[in-house]
Amino acid sequence: MQYIASRGLVHRDLAARNVLLFANSIAKISDFGLCCSIDENLTERSTLSLKLPIKWLSLEALIDRIFSEKSDVWSFGVLMYEVFTFGGIPYATMNNDELVMFLKSGARLELPNNMDFDLYEIMLSCWREDLQKRPTFVELEEKFHGYIVEALCTKF
């Protein structure tokens, strides 16, 4: 995703269903059907009536149809939830209106049973309401690297 963002593109459909896994733990992003380029403000305001993946969208994308690297970061947080719940459906019991109210209230998906709290904090950082306070994909890589190094040092 760092590469996609560095090219001035927003994926807009980052979800587990669009991640292909290969040998040697290689993952590749697929389905660029909703991908678009962003303007000089690093945002794209969608006016098209596209069918969007509602439960993976950031607040600003849901409410104002504003997309950026930070809206893809939000979706990445939902993807993390999918991974750590082994394919769990995010916000499974909510309709679209309930989802918007839930997120506007500041509530977020709960800690999955199989997730370390430090990783959950990274996931929560992807869902900060203020998009300027969300990490970039470069910063997420740094956080994951630090998490892995610390986990290895603790284990050995």
N, C-alpha and C. Protein backbone atom coordinates (compact mmCIF):
# COMPACT_ATOMS: atom_id res chain seq x y z
N MET A 1 0.82 -1.20 0.00
CA MET A 1 0.00 0.00 0.00
C MET A 1 0.86 1.26 0.00
N GLN A 2 2.07 1.14 0.57
CA GLN A 2 2.99 2.29 0.51
C GLN A 2 3.22 2.70 -0.93
N TYR A 3 3.44 1.71 -1.78
CA TYR A 3 3.73 1.97 -3.19
C TYR A 3 2.54 2.65 -3.86
N ILE A 4 1.35 2.13 -3.62
CA ILE A 4 0.14 2.69 -4.23
C ILE A 4 -0.03 4.15 -3.79
N ALA A 5 0.12 4.40 -2.50
CA ALA A 5 -0.01 5.77 -1.98
C ALA A 5 1.08 6.68 -2.55
N SER A 6 2.30 6.15 -2.70
CA SER A 6 3.41 6.96 -3.21
C SER A 6 3.19 7.37 -4.67
N ARG A 7 2.34 6.66 -5.36
CA ARG A 7 2.04 6.96 -6.76
C ARG A 7 0.82 7.88 -6.90
N GLY A 8 0.33 8.38 -5.75
CA GLY A 8 -0.81 9.29 -5.79
C GLY A 8 -2.13 8.60 -6.09
N LEU A 9 -2.23 7.34 -5.68
CA LEU A 9 -3.44 6.56 -5.92
C LEU A 9 -4.12 6.20 -4.61
N VAL A 10 -5.43 6.08 -4.66
CA VAL A 10 -6.22 5.60 -3.53
C VAL A 10 -6.93 4.34 -4.01
N HIS A 11 -6.81 3.25 -3.26
CA HIS A 11 -7.39 1.97 -3.67
C HIS A 11 -8.91 1.96 -3.51
N ARG A 12 -9.42 2.42 -2.40
CA ARG A 12 -10.84 2.54 -2.05
C ARG A 12 -11.57 1.21 -1.85
N ASP A 13 -10.87 0.08 -1.93
CA ASP A 13 -11.51 -1.21 -1.68
C ASP A 13 -10.52 -2.17 -1.03
N LEU A 14 -9.74 -1.65 -0.09
CA LEU A 14 -8.76 -2.49 0.61
C LEU A 14 -9.50 -3.34 1.63
N ALA A 15 -9.53 -4.64 1.38
CA ALA A 15 -10.22 -5.60 2.24
C ALA A 15 -9.57 -6.96 2.04
N ALA A 16 -9.79 -7.87 2.96
CA ALA A 16 -9.17 -9.19 2.88
C ALA A 16 -9.50 -9.88 1.56
N ARG A 17 -10.70 -9.66 1.04
CA ARG A 17 -11.09 -10.31 -0.22
C ARG A 17 -10.21 -9.87 -1.39
N ASN A 18 -9.50 -8.76 -1.23
CA ASN A 18 -8.66 -8.22 -2.29
C ASN A 18 -7.17 -8.35 -2.00
N VAL A 19 -6.81 -9.26 -1.12
CA VAL A 19 -5.40 -9.54 -0.83
C VAL A 19 -5.12 -10.97 -1.27
N LEU A 20 -4.18 -11.12 -2.17
CA LEU A 20 -3.79 -12.44 -2.67
C LEU A 20 -2.54 -12.89 -1.93
N LEU A 21 -2.54 -14.11 -1.43
CA LEU A 21 -1.40 -14.65 -0.71
C LEU A 21 -0.63 -15.61 -1.59
N PHE A 22 0.69 -15.47 -1.58
CA PHE A 22 1.58 -16.30 -2.38
C PHE A 22 2.57 -17.01 -1.46
N ALA A 23 3.39 -17.87 -2.06
CA ALA A 23 4.43 -18.57 -1.30
C ALA A 23 5.37 -17.56 -0.67
N ASN A 24 6.09 -18.00 0.34
CA ASN A 24 7.07 -17.17 1.05
C ASN A 24 6.44 -15.95 1.71
N SER A 25 5.19 -16.07 2.14
CA SER A 25 4.48 -15.00 2.86
C SER A 25 4.38 -13.69 2.08
N ILE A 26 4.23 -13.80 0.79
CA ILE A 26 4.07 -12.60 -0.04
C ILE A 26 2.58 -12.35 -0.24
N ALA A 27 2.17 -11.11 0.02
CA ALA A 27 0.78 -10.70 -0.18
C ALA A 27 0.76 -9.60 -1.23
N LYS A 28 -0.22 -9.68 -2.13
CA LYS A 28 -0.36 -8.66 -3.16
C LYS A 28 -1.79 -8.15 -3.16
N ILE A 29 -1.91 -6.84 -3.35
CA ILE A 29 -3.21 -6.19 -3.39
C ILE A 29 -3.79 -6.40 -4.79
N SER A 30 -5.09 -6.68 -4.85
CA SER A 30 -5.75 -6.88 -6.14
C SER A 30 -7.01 -6.02 -6.22
N ASP A 31 -7.74 -6.16 -7.30
CA ASP A 31 -9.00 -5.47 -7.58
C ASP A 31 -8.86 -3.96 -7.48
N PHE A 32 -8.37 -3.38 -8.55
CA PHE A 32 -8.17 -1.94 -8.61
C PHE A 32 -9.35 -1.23 -9.31
N GLY A 33 -10.51 -1.88 -9.30
CA GLY A 33 -11.68 -1.32 -9.97
C GLY A 33 -12.16 0.00 -9.41
N LEU A 34 -11.95 0.25 -8.13
CA LEU A 34 -12.36 1.51 -7.51
C LEU A 34 -11.19 2.47 -7.31
N CYS A 35 -10.01 2.07 -7.74
CA CYS A 35 -8.80 2.88 -7.56
C CYS A 35 -8.92 4.19 -8.34
N CYS A 36 -8.39 5.26 -7.78
CA CYS A 36 -8.39 6.54 -8.47
C CYS A 36 -7.16 7.34 -8.05
N SER A 37 -6.84 8.34 -8.85
CA SER A 37 -5.73 9.22 -8.49
C SER A 37 -6.27 10.35 -7.61
N ILE A 38 -5.38 10.93 -6.81
CA ILE A 38 -5.78 12.00 -5.91
C ILE A 38 -5.19 13.32 -6.37
N ASP A 39 -5.82 14.42 -5.95
CA ASP A 39 -5.39 15.75 -6.39
C ASP A 39 -4.21 16.26 -5.57
N GLU A 40 -3.84 17.51 -5.80
CA GLU A 40 -2.70 18.10 -5.10
C GLU A 40 -2.92 18.22 -3.60
N ASN A 41 -4.17 18.17 -3.16
CA ASN A 41 -4.47 18.18 -1.72
C ASN A 41 -4.44 16.78 -1.13
N LEU A 42 -4.04 15.82 -1.95
CA LEU A 42 -3.95 14.42 -1.55
C LEU A 42 -5.30 13.84 -1.15
N THR A 43 -6.36 14.34 -1.79
CA THR A 43 -7.70 13.80 -1.56
C THR A 43 -8.43 13.66 -2.89
N GLU A 44 -9.48 12.87 -2.89
CA GLU A 44 -10.34 12.73 -4.06
C GLU A 44 -11.76 12.75 -3.55
N ARG A 45 -12.55 13.65 -4.06
CA ARG A 45 -13.96 13.74 -3.64
C ARG A 45 -14.78 13.05 -4.72
N SER A 46 -15.35 11.92 -4.35
CA SER A 46 -16.11 11.13 -5.30
C SER A 46 -17.52 11.67 -5.44
N THR A 47 -17.90 11.97 -6.68
CA THR A 47 -19.26 12.41 -6.94
C THR A 47 -20.03 11.34 -7.70
N LEU A 48 -19.34 10.30 -8.08
CA LEU A 48 -19.98 9.22 -8.81
C LEU A 48 -20.82 8.37 -7.88
N SER A 49 -21.82 7.75 -8.43
CA SER A 49 -22.66 6.87 -7.62
C SER A 49 -22.12 5.44 -7.71
N LEU A 50 -20.90 5.28 -7.23
CA LEU A 50 -20.27 3.97 -7.22
C LEU A 50 -20.81 3.12 -6.08
N LYS A 51 -20.80 1.83 -6.28
CA LYS A 51 -21.14 0.92 -5.19
C LYS A 51 -19.86 0.73 -4.38
N LEU A 52 -19.84 1.29 -3.18
CA LEU A 52 -18.63 1.29 -2.35
C LEU A 52 -18.75 0.29 -1.21
N PRO A 53 -17.62 -0.22 -0.73
CA PRO A 53 -17.61 -1.18 0.39
C PRO A 53 -17.84 -0.45 1.72
N ILE A 54 -19.08 -0.18 2.05
CA ILE A 54 -19.47 0.69 3.16
C ILE A 54 -18.77 0.36 4.47
N LYS A 55 -18.70 -0.90 4.84
CA LYS A 55 -18.17 -1.26 6.16
C LYS A 55 -16.65 -1.15 6.26
N TRP A 56 -15.99 -0.82 5.15
CA TRP A 56 -14.54 -0.62 5.16
C TRP A 56 -14.19 0.86 4.99
N LEU A 57 -15.19 1.71 4.83
CA LEU A 57 -14.94 3.13 4.55
C LEU A 57 -14.70 3.94 5.82
N SER A 58 -13.84 4.93 5.69
CA SER A 58 -13.58 5.87 6.78
C SER A 58 -14.78 6.79 6.96
N LEU A 59 -14.81 7.48 8.08
CA LEU A 59 -15.91 8.43 8.33
C LEU A 59 -16.01 9.49 7.24
N GLU A 60 -14.87 10.07 6.85
CA GLU A 60 -14.92 11.13 5.84
C GLU A 60 -15.35 10.60 4.48
N ALA A 61 -15.06 9.33 4.21
CA ALA A 61 -15.52 8.72 2.96
C ALA A 61 -17.02 8.41 3.03
N LEU A 62 -17.46 7.92 4.18
CA LEU A 62 -18.89 7.61 4.36
C LEU A 62 -19.76 8.86 4.28
N ILE A 63 -19.33 9.91 4.96
CA ILE A 63 -20.16 11.10 5.10
C ILE A 63 -19.98 12.08 3.94
N ASP A 64 -18.72 12.35 3.58
CA ASP A 64 -18.43 13.40 2.59
C ASP A 64 -17.86 12.88 1.27
N ARG A 65 -17.69 11.56 1.16
CA ARG A 65 -17.10 10.95 -0.03
C ARG A 65 -15.70 11.50 -0.33
N ILE A 66 -14.92 11.73 0.73
CA ILE A 66 -13.54 12.18 0.58
C ILE A 66 -12.63 10.98 0.78
N PHE A 67 -11.77 10.75 -0.21
CA PHE A 67 -10.85 9.61 -0.18
C PHE A 67 -9.41 10.10 -0.25
N SER A 68 -8.54 9.41 0.49
CA SER A 68 -7.13 9.75 0.53
C SER A 68 -6.36 8.53 1.01
N GLU A 69 -5.05 8.66 1.12
CA GLU A 69 -4.27 7.57 1.72
C GLU A 69 -4.83 7.23 3.10
N LYS A 70 -5.26 8.25 3.84
CA LYS A 70 -5.74 8.02 5.20
C LYS A 70 -7.08 7.26 5.22
N SER A 71 -7.88 7.38 4.17
CA SER A 71 -9.09 6.55 4.11
C SER A 71 -8.72 5.10 3.80
N ASP A 72 -7.67 4.88 3.01
CA ASP A 72 -7.17 3.52 2.79
C ASP A 72 -6.56 2.96 4.08
N VAL A 73 -5.93 3.80 4.88
CA VAL A 73 -5.40 3.36 6.18
C VAL A 73 -6.55 2.88 7.06
N TRP A 74 -7.66 3.60 7.07
CA TRP A 74 -8.84 3.17 7.84
C TRP A 74 -9.26 1.77 7.38
N SER A 75 -9.35 1.59 6.06
CA SER A 75 -9.73 0.28 5.51
C SER A 75 -8.74 -0.79 5.92
N PHE A 76 -7.46 -0.44 5.99
CA PHE A 76 -6.45 -1.39 6.43
C PHE A 76 -6.73 -1.85 7.86
N GLY A 77 -7.18 -0.94 8.71
CA GLY A 77 -7.56 -1.33 10.07
C GLY A 77 -8.68 -2.36 10.06
N VAL A 78 -9.65 -2.19 9.18
CA VAL A 78 -10.74 -3.15 9.07
C VAL A 78 -10.21 -4.48 8.53
N LEU A 79 -9.27 -4.41 7.59
CA LEU A 79 -8.62 -5.62 7.07
C LEU A 79 -7.91 -6.36 8.20
N MET A 80 -7.25 -5.64 9.09
CA MET A 80 -6.60 -6.28 10.24
C MET A 80 -7.64 -7.02 11.08
N TYR A 81 -8.79 -6.40 11.28
CA TYR A 81 -9.86 -7.06 12.03
C TYR A 81 -10.26 -8.36 11.33
N GLU A 82 -10.41 -8.32 10.02
CA GLU A 82 -10.77 -9.53 9.26
C GLU A 82 -9.73 -10.63 9.47
N VAL A 83 -8.47 -10.26 9.42
CA VAL A 83 -7.40 -11.24 9.57
C VAL A 83 -7.43 -11.87 10.95
N PHE A 84 -7.52 -11.05 11.98
CA PHE A 84 -7.43 -11.57 13.35
C PHE A 84 -8.72 -12.21 13.85
N THR A 85 -9.80 -12.08 13.09
CA THR A 85 -11.04 -12.81 13.42
C THR A 85 -11.23 -13.96 12.44
N PHE A 86 -10.18 -14.25 11.67
CA PHE A 86 -10.22 -15.35 10.69
C PHE A 86 -11.41 -15.21 9.73
N GLY A 87 -11.55 -14.01 9.19
CA GLY A 87 -12.60 -13.76 8.20
C GLY A 87 -13.90 -13.25 8.78
N GLY A 88 -13.84 -12.76 10.01
CA GLY A 88 -15.05 -12.20 10.63
C GLY A 88 -15.57 -11.02 9.83
N ILE A 89 -16.87 -10.85 9.83
CA ILE A 89 -17.50 -9.76 9.10
C ILE A 89 -17.57 -8.54 10.01
N PRO A 90 -16.94 -7.43 9.61
CA PRO A 90 -16.97 -6.24 10.46
C PRO A 90 -18.38 -5.66 10.56
N TYR A 91 -18.76 -5.24 11.76
CA TYR A 91 -20.06 -4.62 12.00
C TYR A 91 -21.20 -5.49 11.48
N ALA A 92 -21.11 -6.79 11.71
CA ALA A 92 -22.01 -7.78 11.10
C ALA A 92 -23.49 -7.51 11.38
N THR A 93 -23.81 -6.98 12.54
CA THR A 93 -25.22 -6.81 12.91
C THR A 93 -25.77 -5.43 12.59
N MET A 94 -24.96 -4.56 11.97
CA MET A 94 -25.39 -3.18 11.74
C MET A 94 -25.75 -2.92 10.29
N ASN A 95 -26.80 -2.11 10.09
CA ASN A 95 -27.08 -1.63 8.74
C ASN A 95 -26.24 -0.36 8.52
N ASN A 96 -26.32 0.22 7.35
CA ASN A 96 -25.46 1.36 7.01
C ASN A 96 -25.69 2.57 7.92
N ASP A 97 -26.94 2.88 8.21
CA ASP A 97 -27.24 4.03 9.08
C ASP A 97 -26.72 3.80 10.49
N GLU A 98 -26.90 2.58 11.00
CA GLU A 98 -26.40 2.24 12.34
C GLU A 98 -24.88 2.33 12.38
N LEU A 99 -24.23 1.91 11.30
CA LEU A 99 -22.77 1.97 11.23
C LEU A 99 -22.29 3.42 11.33
N VAL A 100 -22.90 4.31 10.58
CA VAL A 100 -22.49 5.72 10.61
C VAL A 100 -22.66 6.29 12.01
N MET A 101 -23.78 6.02 12.65
CA MET A 101 -24.02 6.52 14.01
C MET A 101 -23.02 5.93 15.00
N PHE A 102 -22.73 4.64 14.86
CA PHE A 102 -21.77 3.94 15.72
C PHE A 102 -20.40 4.61 15.61
N LEU A 103 -19.94 4.84 14.39
CA LEU A 103 -18.62 5.43 14.18
C LEU A 103 -18.59 6.90 14.60
N LYS A 104 -19.64 7.64 14.32
CA LYS A 104 -19.70 9.05 14.73
C LYS A 104 -19.66 9.20 16.24
N SER A 105 -20.16 8.19 16.96
CA SER A 105 -20.16 8.23 18.43
C SER A 105 -18.76 7.97 19.00
N GLY A 106 -17.82 7.60 18.13
CA GLY A 106 -16.46 7.30 18.58
C GLY A 106 -16.22 5.83 18.84
N ALA A 107 -17.24 5.01 18.72
CA ALA A 107 -17.09 3.56 18.94
C ALA A 107 -16.34 2.93 17.77
N ARG A 108 -15.65 1.85 18.06
CA ARG A 108 -14.89 1.13 17.04
C ARG A 108 -15.05 -0.37 17.26
N LEU A 109 -14.59 -1.16 16.30
CA LEU A 109 -14.63 -2.61 16.44
C LEU A 109 -13.85 -3.03 17.68
N GLU A 110 -14.33 -4.09 18.33
CA GLU A 110 -13.69 -4.57 19.56
C GLU A 110 -12.41 -5.34 19.26
N LEU A 111 -11.62 -5.50 20.31
CA LEU A 111 -10.39 -6.29 20.25
C LEU A 111 -10.72 -7.73 19.89
N PRO A 112 -10.20 -8.24 18.76
CA PRO A 112 -10.42 -9.66 18.43
C PRO A 112 -9.73 -10.57 19.45
N ASN A 113 -10.31 -11.73 19.69
CA ASN A 113 -9.77 -12.68 20.66
C ASN A 113 -8.33 -13.08 20.38
N ASN A 114 -7.94 -13.12 19.13
CA ASN A 114 -6.61 -13.60 18.74
C ASN A 114 -5.60 -12.48 18.52
N MET A 115 -5.88 -11.30 19.03
CA MET A 115 -5.01 -10.15 18.79
C MET A 115 -4.39 -9.64 20.07
N ASP A 116 -3.09 -9.40 20.01
CA ASP A 116 -2.35 -8.77 21.10
C ASP A 116 -2.82 -7.32 21.25
N PHE A 117 -2.86 -6.81 22.48
CA PHE A 117 -3.35 -5.45 22.70
C PHE A 117 -2.48 -4.40 21.99
N ASP A 118 -1.17 -4.64 21.89
CA ASP A 118 -0.30 -3.69 21.19
C ASP A 118 -0.69 -3.58 19.71
N LEU A 119 -1.06 -4.70 19.11
CA LEU A 119 -1.52 -4.67 17.71
C LEU A 119 -2.88 -3.98 17.62
N TYR A 120 -3.72 -4.20 18.62
CA TYR A 120 -5.03 -3.54 18.64
C TYR A 120 -4.86 -2.02 18.68
N GLU A 121 -3.88 -1.55 19.43
CA GLU A 121 -3.62 -0.10 19.47
C GLU A 121 -3.22 0.42 18.09
N ILE A 122 -2.45 -0.38 17.35
CA ILE A 122 -2.09 0.01 15.98
C ILE A 122 -3.36 0.06 15.13
N MET A 123 -4.20 -0.96 15.27
CA MET A 123 -5.45 -1.01 14.52
C MET A 123 -6.33 0.19 14.86
N LEU A 124 -6.45 0.51 16.15
CA LEU A 124 -7.25 1.67 16.56
C LEU A 124 -6.70 2.98 15.99
N SER A 125 -5.38 3.06 15.85
CA SER A 125 -4.79 4.29 15.30
C SER A 125 -5.23 4.51 13.85
N CYS A 126 -5.58 3.43 13.16
CA CYS A 126 -6.07 3.54 11.79
C CYS A 126 -7.47 4.14 11.73
N TRP A 127 -8.17 4.11 12.86
CA TRP A 127 -9.56 4.56 12.91
C TRP A 127 -9.75 5.87 13.65
N ARG A 128 -8.70 6.65 13.78
CA ARG A 128 -8.86 7.96 14.42
C ARG A 128 -9.78 8.83 13.57
N GLU A 129 -10.68 9.52 14.24
CA GLU A 129 -11.65 10.34 13.50
C GLU A 129 -10.94 11.43 12.70
N ASP A 130 -9.94 12.06 13.30
CA ASP A 130 -9.16 13.09 12.60
C ASP A 130 -8.17 12.38 11.69
N LEU A 131 -8.41 12.47 10.40
CA LEU A 131 -7.55 11.73 9.46
C LEU A 131 -6.10 12.17 9.52
N GLN A 132 -5.83 13.40 9.95
CA GLN A 132 -4.45 13.85 10.07
C GLN A 132 -3.71 13.12 11.18
N LYS A 133 -4.45 12.54 12.13
CA LYS A 133 -3.82 11.82 13.24
C LYS A 133 -3.67 10.33 12.96
N ARG A 134 -4.18 9.87 11.83
CA ARG A 134 -3.98 8.47 11.44
C ARG A 134 -2.58 8.31 10.88
N PRO A 135 -1.99 7.13 11.05
CA PRO A 135 -0.66 6.91 10.48
C PRO A 135 -0.72 6.80 8.96
N THR A 136 0.41 7.02 8.33
CA THR A 136 0.55 6.72 6.90
C THR A 136 0.95 5.26 6.78
N PHE A 137 1.00 4.74 5.56
CA PHE A 137 1.45 3.36 5.40
C PHE A 137 2.93 3.21 5.74
N VAL A 138 3.71 4.24 5.52
CA VAL A 138 5.13 4.20 5.93
C VAL A 138 5.21 4.09 7.45
N GLU A 139 4.43 4.89 8.15
CA GLU A 139 4.44 4.84 9.62
C GLU A 139 3.91 3.50 10.14
N LEU A 140 2.92 2.93 9.46
CA LEU A 140 2.43 1.61 9.87
C LEU A 140 3.52 0.56 9.73
N GLU A 141 4.28 0.62 8.63
CA GLU A 141 5.38 -0.33 8.47
C GLU A 141 6.37 -0.20 9.62
N GLU A 142 6.69 1.03 10.00
CA GLU A 142 7.61 1.25 11.11
C GLU A 142 7.05 0.68 12.41
N LYS A 143 5.75 0.88 12.65
CA LYS A 143 5.13 0.35 13.86
C LYS A 143 5.17 -1.17 13.88
N PHE A 144 4.86 -1.80 12.75
CA PHE A 144 4.89 -3.26 12.68
C PHE A 144 6.30 -3.79 12.85
N HIS A 145 7.26 -3.11 12.26
CA HIS A 145 8.66 -3.52 12.42
C HIS A 145 9.06 -3.47 13.89
N GLY A 146 8.72 -2.38 14.56
CA GLY A 146 9.02 -2.25 15.99
C GLY A 146 8.33 -3.32 16.81
N TYR A 147 7.09 -3.64 16.46
CA TYR A 147 6.34 -4.67 17.17
C TYR A 147 7.02 -6.03 17.01
N ILE A 148 7.44 -6.35 15.80
CA ILE A 148 8.09 -7.65 15.54
C ILE A 148 9.43 -7.73 16.26
N VAL A 149 10.23 -6.68 16.20
CA VAL A 149 11.52 -6.67 16.88
C VAL A 149 11.32 -6.86 18.38
N GLU A 150 10.38 -6.14 18.95
CA GLU A 150 10.12 -6.26 20.39
C GLU A 150 9.64 -7.67 20.74
N ALA A 151 8.78 -8.23 19.91
CA ALA A 151 8.26 -9.58 20.16
C ALA A 151 9.39 -10.61 20.10
N LEU A 152 10.30 -10.45 19.14
CA LEU A 152 11.43 -11.38 19.03
C LEU A 152 12.38 -11.24 20.21
N CYS A 153 12.63 -10.01 20.63
CA CYS A 153 13.52 -9.79 21.77
C CYS A 153 12.92 -10.35 23.05
N THR A 154 11.62 -10.23 23.20
CA THR A 154 10.94 -10.75 24.39
C THR A 154 10.94 -12.27 24.39
N LYS A 155 10.75 -12.84 23.21
CA LYS A 155 10.66 -14.30 23.09
C LYS A 155 12.01 -14.97 23.31
N PHE A 156 13.07 -14.35 22.83
CA PHE A 156 14.39 -14.98 22.92
C PHE A 156 15.18 -14.27 23.97
